[in-house]
Amino acid sequence: MPFVLTLFVIAVAGPALAAAGTRHPPSEPLFFTELMLLMLVGRLLGEAMLRIKQPAVIGS
């Protein structure tokens, strides 16, 4: 699962990194996709931590 998630993040972030040299502003759909991905991963990791009897937020 972490490997698949890593590949998905690379696939989503790839176009943003490739466009770093151009002068076009970042697209809003890409921003919202990344935002939703961060929220989903945070939620999933929080649930995983609770299942192994750890705080959902570590390091705060």
PDB file of N, CA and C in Angstrom:
ATOM      1  N   MET A   1       0.810  -1.206   0.000  1.00  0.00           N
ATOM      2  CA  MET A   1       0.000   0.000   0.000  1.00  0.00           C
ATOM      3  C   MET A   1       0.852   1.269   0.000  1.00  0.00           C
ATOM      4  N   PRO A   2       1.884   1.390   0.863  1.00  0.00           N
ATOM      5  CA  PRO A   2       2.689   2.615   0.811  1.00  0.00           C
ATOM      6  C   PRO A   2       3.354   2.819  -0.552  1.00  0.00           C
ATOM      7  N   PHE A   3       3.754   1.730  -1.203  1.00  0.00           N
ATOM      8  CA  PHE A   3       4.385   1.838  -2.518  1.00  0.00           C
ATOM      9  C   PHE A   3       3.403   2.403  -3.539  1.00  0.00           C
ATOM     10  N   VAL A   4       2.171   1.928  -3.498  1.00  0.00           N
ATOM     11  CA  VAL A   4       1.150   2.412  -4.421  1.00  0.00           C
ATOM     12  C   VAL A   4       0.854   3.882  -4.143  1.00  0.00           C
ATOM     13  N   LEU A   5       0.780   4.240  -2.876  1.00  0.00           N
ATOM     14  CA  LEU A   5       0.523   5.628  -2.505  1.00  0.00           C
ATOM     15  C   LEU A   5       1.667   6.524  -2.973  1.00  0.00           C
ATOM     16  N   THR A   6       2.887   6.055  -2.837  1.00  0.00           N
ATOM     17  CA  THR A   6       4.045   6.824  -3.292  1.00  0.00           C
ATOM     18  C   THR A   6       3.982   7.042  -4.798  1.00  0.00           C
ATOM     19  N   LEU A   7       3.633   6.002  -5.537  1.00  0.00           N
ATOM     20  CA  LEU A   7       3.515   6.148  -6.987  1.00  0.00           C
ATOM     21  C   LEU A   7       2.417   7.132  -7.359  1.00  0.00           C
ATOM     22  N   PHE A   8       1.313   7.098  -6.628  1.00  0.00           N
ATOM     23  CA  PHE A   8       0.217   8.029  -6.905  1.00  0.00           C
ATOM     24  C   PHE A   8       0.648   9.471  -6.642  1.00  0.00           C
ATOM     25  N   VAL A   9       1.366   9.698  -5.545  1.00  0.00           N
ATOM     26  CA  VAL A   9       1.826  11.053  -5.224  1.00  0.00           C
ATOM     27  C   VAL A   9       2.801  11.540  -6.291  1.00  0.00           C
ATOM     28  N   ILE A  10       3.690  10.674  -6.738  1.00  0.00           N
ATOM     29  CA  ILE A  10       4.630  11.060  -7.792  1.00  0.00           C
ATOM     30  C   ILE A  10       3.882  11.390  -9.082  1.00  0.00           C
ATOM     31  N   ALA A  11       2.857  10.600  -9.393  1.00  0.00           N
ATOM     32  CA  ALA A  11       2.079  10.842 -10.611  1.00  0.00           C
ATOM     33  C   ALA A  11       1.335  12.165 -10.532  1.00  0.00           C
ATOM     34  N   VAL A  12       0.852  12.520  -9.348  1.00  0.00           N
ATOM     35  CA  VAL A  12       0.119  13.778  -9.195  1.00  0.00           C
ATOM     36  C   VAL A  12       1.087  14.960  -9.159  1.00  0.00           C
ATOM     37  N   ALA A  13       2.223  14.793  -8.472  1.00  0.00           N
ATOM     38  CA  ALA A  13       3.168  15.897  -8.331  1.00  0.00           C
ATOM     39  C   ALA A  13       4.056  16.062  -9.560  1.00  0.00           C
ATOM     40  N   GLY A  14       4.157  15.044 -10.397  1.00  0.00           N
ATOM     41  CA  GLY A  14       5.026  15.104 -11.567  1.00  0.00           C
ATOM     42  C   GLY A  14       4.759  16.284 -12.475  1.00  0.00           C
ATOM     43  N   PRO A  15       3.514  16.505 -12.889  1.00  0.00           N
ATOM     44  CA  PRO A  15       3.246  17.655 -13.760  1.00  0.00           C
ATOM     45  C   PRO A  15       3.588  18.995 -13.099  1.00  0.00           C
ATOM     46  N   ALA A  16       3.379  19.096 -11.807  1.00  0.00           N
ATOM     47  CA  ALA A  16       3.699  20.350 -11.119  1.00  0.00           C
ATOM     48  C   ALA A  16       5.203  20.580 -11.109  1.00  0.00           C
ATOM     49  N   LEU A  17       5.964  19.525 -10.875  1.00  0.00           N
ATOM     50  CA  LEU A  17       7.417  19.664 -10.873  1.00  0.00           C
ATOM     51  C   LEU A  17       7.946  19.919 -12.279  1.00  0.00           C
ATOM     52  N   ALA A  18       7.337  19.302 -13.275  1.00  0.00           N
ATOM     53  CA  ALA A  18       7.772  19.497 -14.654  1.00  0.00           C
ATOM     54  C   ALA A  18       7.479  20.918 -15.119  1.00  0.00           C
ATOM     55  N   ALA A  19       6.432  21.516 -14.609  1.00  0.00           N
ATOM     56  CA  ALA A  19       6.045  22.865 -15.011  1.00  0.00           C
ATOM     57  C   ALA A  19       6.790  23.938 -14.230  1.00  0.00           C
ATOM     58  N   ALA A  20       7.699  23.548 -13.367  1.00  0.00           N
ATOM     59  CA  ALA A  20       8.399  24.518 -12.531  1.00  0.00           C
ATOM     60  C   ALA A  20       9.218  25.500 -13.356  1.00  0.00           C
ATOM     61  N   GLY A  21       9.703  25.087 -14.518  1.00  0.00           N
ATOM     62  CA  GLY A  21      10.515  25.974 -15.338  1.00  0.00           C
ATOM     63  C   GLY A  21       9.714  26.888 -16.243  1.00  0.00           C
ATOM     64  N   THR A  22       8.417  26.676 -16.356  1.00  0.00           N
ATOM     65  CA  THR A  22       7.595  27.513 -17.224  1.00  0.00           C
ATOM     66  C   THR A  22       7.065  28.717 -16.454  1.00  0.00           C
ATOM     67  N   ARG A  23       6.507  29.651 -17.174  1.00  0.00           N
ATOM     68  CA  ARG A  23       5.992  30.861 -16.540  1.00  0.00           C
ATOM     69  C   ARG A  23       4.479  30.825 -16.333  1.00  0.00           C
ATOM     70  N   HIS A  24       3.863  29.663 -16.531  1.00  0.00           N
ATOM     71  CA  HIS A  24       2.430  29.544 -16.322  1.00  0.00           C
ATOM     72  C   HIS A  24       2.132  29.393 -14.835  1.00  0.00           C
ATOM     73  N   PRO A  25       1.075  30.042 -14.357  1.00  0.00           N
ATOM     74  CA  PRO A  25       0.722  29.875 -12.943  1.00  0.00           C
ATOM     75  C   PRO A  25       0.198  28.452 -12.694  1.00  0.00           C
ATOM     76  N   PRO A  26       0.319  27.949 -11.471  1.00  0.00           N
ATOM     77  CA  PRO A  26      -0.199  26.610 -11.166  1.00  0.00           C
ATOM     78  C   PRO A  26      -1.710  26.564 -11.384  1.00  0.00           C
ATOM     79  N   SER A  27      -2.183  25.426 -11.782  1.00  0.00           N
ATOM     80  CA  SER A  27      -3.611  25.307 -12.058  1.00  0.00           C
ATOM     81  C   SER A  27      -4.377  25.023 -10.775  1.00  0.00           C
ATOM     82  N   GLU A  28      -5.574  25.538 -10.705  1.00  0.00           N
ATOM     83  CA  GLU A  28      -6.412  25.334  -9.529  1.00  0.00           C
ATOM     84  C   GLU A  28      -6.825  23.874  -9.359  1.00  0.00           C
ATOM     85  N   PRO A  29      -7.174  23.150 -10.430  1.00  0.00           N
ATOM     86  CA  PRO A  29      -7.545  21.744 -10.227  1.00  0.00           C
ATOM     87  C   PRO A  29      -6.408  20.912  -9.617  1.00  0.00           C
ATOM     88  N   LEU A  30      -5.178  21.183 -10.015  1.00  0.00           N
ATOM     89  CA  LEU A  30      -4.044  20.466  -9.445  1.00  0.00           C
ATOM     90  C   LEU A  30      -3.892  20.808  -7.970  1.00  0.00           C
ATOM     91  N   PHE A  31      -4.062  22.069  -7.629  1.00  0.00           N
ATOM     92  CA  PHE A  31      -3.972  22.491  -6.230  1.00  0.00           C
ATOM     93  C   PHE A  31      -5.013  21.785  -5.379  1.00  0.00           C
ATOM     94  N   PHE A  32      -6.255  21.759  -5.846  1.00  0.00           N
ATOM     95  CA  PHE A  32      -7.310  21.130  -5.059  1.00  0.00           C
ATOM     96  C   PHE A  32      -7.144  19.610  -5.001  1.00  0.00           C
ATOM     97  N   THR A  33      -6.605  19.008  -6.055  1.00  0.00           N
ATOM     98  CA  THR A  33      -6.320  17.576  -6.030  1.00  0.00           C
ATOM     99  C   THR A  33      -5.255  17.270  -4.979  1.00  0.00           C
ATOM    100  N   GLU A  34      -4.205  18.069  -4.944  1.00  0.00           N
ATOM    101  CA  GLU A  34      -3.157  17.873  -3.953  1.00  0.00           C
ATOM    102  C   GLU A  34      -3.677  18.111  -2.546  1.00  0.00           C
ATOM    103  N   LEU A  35      -4.524  19.110  -2.375  1.00  0.00           N
ATOM    104  CA  LEU A  35      -5.112  19.397  -1.069  1.00  0.00           C
ATOM    105  C   LEU A  35      -5.968  18.235  -0.582  1.00  0.00           C
ATOM    106  N   MET A  36      -6.795  17.699  -1.466  1.00  0.00           N
ATOM    107  CA  MET A  36      -7.631  16.553  -1.096  1.00  0.00           C
ATOM    108  C   MET A  36      -6.773  15.330  -0.789  1.00  0.00           C
ATOM    109  N   LEU A  37      -5.694  15.140  -1.543  1.00  0.00           N
ATOM    110  CA  LEU A  37      -4.792  14.018  -1.298  1.00  0.00           C
ATOM    111  C   LEU A  37      -4.132  14.135   0.075  1.00  0.00           C
ATOM    112  N   LEU A  38      -3.688  15.330   0.425  1.00  0.00           N
ATOM    113  CA  LEU A  38      -3.096  15.540   1.744  1.00  0.00           C
ATOM    114  C   LEU A  38      -4.093  15.265   2.860  1.00  0.00           C
ATOM    115  N   MET A  39      -5.325  15.717   2.676  1.00  0.00           N
ATOM    116  CA  MET A  39      -6.346  15.486   3.703  1.00  0.00           C
ATOM    117  C   MET A  39      -6.671  14.001   3.819  1.00  0.00           C
ATOM    118  N   LEU A  40      -6.750  13.299   2.697  1.00  0.00           N
ATOM    119  CA  LEU A  40      -7.044  11.871   2.708  1.00  0.00           C
ATOM    120  C   LEU A  40      -5.924  11.082   3.372  1.00  0.00           C
ATOM    121  N   VAL A  41      -4.687  11.374   3.008  1.00  0.00           N
ATOM    122  CA  VAL A  41      -3.553  10.662   3.602  1.00  0.00           C
ATOM    123  C   VAL A  41      -3.469  10.957   5.097  1.00  0.00           C
ATOM    124  N   GLY A  42      -3.696  12.198   5.482  1.00  0.00           N
ATOM    125  CA  GLY A  42      -3.686  12.538   6.899  1.00  0.00           C
ATOM    126  C   GLY A  42      -4.757  11.787   7.671  1.00  0.00           C
ATOM    127  N   ARG A  43      -5.923  11.697   7.099  1.00  0.00           N
ATOM    128  CA  ARG A  43      -7.025  10.967   7.744  1.00  0.00           C
ATOM    129  C   ARG A  43      -6.701   9.481   7.862  1.00  0.00           C
ATOM    130  N   LEU A  44      -6.190   8.895   6.780  1.00  0.00           N
ATOM    131  CA  LEU A  44      -5.859   7.471   6.798  1.00  0.00           C
ATOM    132  C   LEU A  44      -4.745   7.166   7.792  1.00  0.00           C
ATOM    133  N   LEU A  45      -3.729   8.009   7.834  1.00  0.00           N
ATOM    134  CA  LEU A  45      -2.646   7.787   8.791  1.00  0.00           C
ATOM    135  C   LEU A  45      -3.123   7.997  10.229  1.00  0.00           C
ATOM    136  N   GLY A  46      -4.012   8.954  10.436  1.00  0.00           N
ATOM    137  CA  GLY A  46      -4.584   9.150  11.774  1.00  0.00           C
ATOM    138  C   GLY A  46      -5.367   7.935  12.233  1.00  0.00           C
ATOM    139  N   GLU A  47      -6.170   7.366  11.338  1.00  0.00           N
ATOM    140  CA  GLU A  47      -6.922   6.151  11.668  1.00  0.00           C
ATOM    141  C   GLU A  47      -5.987   4.983  11.940  1.00  0.00           C
ATOM    142  N   ALA A  48      -4.926   4.870  11.152  1.00  0.00           N
ATOM    143  CA  ALA A  48      -3.961   3.790  11.359  1.00  0.00           C
ATOM    144  C   ALA A  48      -3.283   3.923  12.716  1.00  0.00           C
ATOM    145  N   MET A  49      -2.953   5.143  13.116  1.00  0.00           N
ATOM    146  CA  MET A  49      -2.327   5.353  14.418  1.00  0.00           C
ATOM    147  C   MET A  49      -3.279   4.994  15.560  1.00  0.00           C
ATOM    148  N   LEU A  50      -4.548   5.341  15.408  1.00  0.00           N
ATOM    149  CA  LEU A  50      -5.519   5.002  16.455  1.00  0.00           C
ATOM    150  C   LEU A  50      -5.684   3.489  16.587  1.00  0.00           C
ATOM    151  N   ARG A  51      -5.607   2.778  15.478  1.00  0.00           N
ATOM    152  CA  ARG A  51      -5.743   1.315  15.516  1.00  0.00           C
ATOM    153  C   ARG A  51      -4.587   0.643  16.237  1.00  0.00           C
ATOM    154  N   ILE A  52      -3.415   1.258  16.211  1.00  0.00           N
ATOM    155  CA  ILE A  52      -2.293   0.659  16.918  1.00  0.00           C
ATOM    156  C   ILE A  52      -2.055   1.362  18.267  1.00  0.00           C
ATOM    157  N   LYS A  53      -3.123   1.994  18.755  1.00  0.00           N
ATOM    158  CA  LYS A  53      -3.148   2.606  20.094  1.00  0.00           C
ATOM    159  C   LYS A  53      -2.131   3.739  20.264  1.00  0.00           C
ATOM    160  N   GLN A  54      -1.989   4.550  19.219  1.00  0.00           N
ATOM    161  CA  GLN A  54      -1.127   5.724  19.265  1.00  0.00           C
ATOM    162  C   GLN A  54      -1.996   6.959  19.036  1.00  0.00           C
ATOM    163  N   PRO A  55      -1.528   8.129  19.479  1.00  0.00           N
ATOM    164  CA  PRO A  55      -2.287   9.340  19.193  1.00  0.00           C
ATOM    165  C   PRO A  55      -2.406   9.567  17.688  1.00  0.00           C
ATOM    166  N   ALA A  56      -3.515  10.100  17.266  1.00  0.00           N
ATOM    167  CA  ALA A  56      -3.727  10.347  15.839  1.00  0.00           C
ATOM    168  C   ALA A  56      -2.748  11.399  15.317  1.00  0.00           C
ATOM    169  N   VAL A  57      -2.337  12.349  16.165  1.00  0.00           N
ATOM    170  CA  VAL A  57      -1.377  13.370  15.788  1.00  0.00           C
ATOM    171  C   VAL A  57      -0.152  13.191  16.665  1.00  0.00           C
ATOM    172  N   ILE A  58       0.966  12.907  16.038  1.00  0.00           N
ATOM    173  CA  ILE A  58       2.216  12.709  16.780  1.00  0.00           C
ATOM    174  C   ILE A  58       3.155  13.849  16.428  1.00  0.00           C
ATOM    175  N   GLY A  59       3.776  14.426  17.431  1.00  0.00           N
ATOM    176  CA  GLY A  59       4.753  15.485  17.205  1.00  0.00           C
ATOM    177  C   GLY A  59       4.178  16.886  17.293  1.00  0.00           C
ATOM    178  N   SER A  60       2.984  17.046  17.791  1.00  0.00           N
ATOM    179  CA  SER A  60       2.410  18.388  17.913  1.00  0.00           C
ATOM    180  C   SER A  60       2.782  19.006  19.236  1.00  0.00           C
TER     181      SER A  60
END
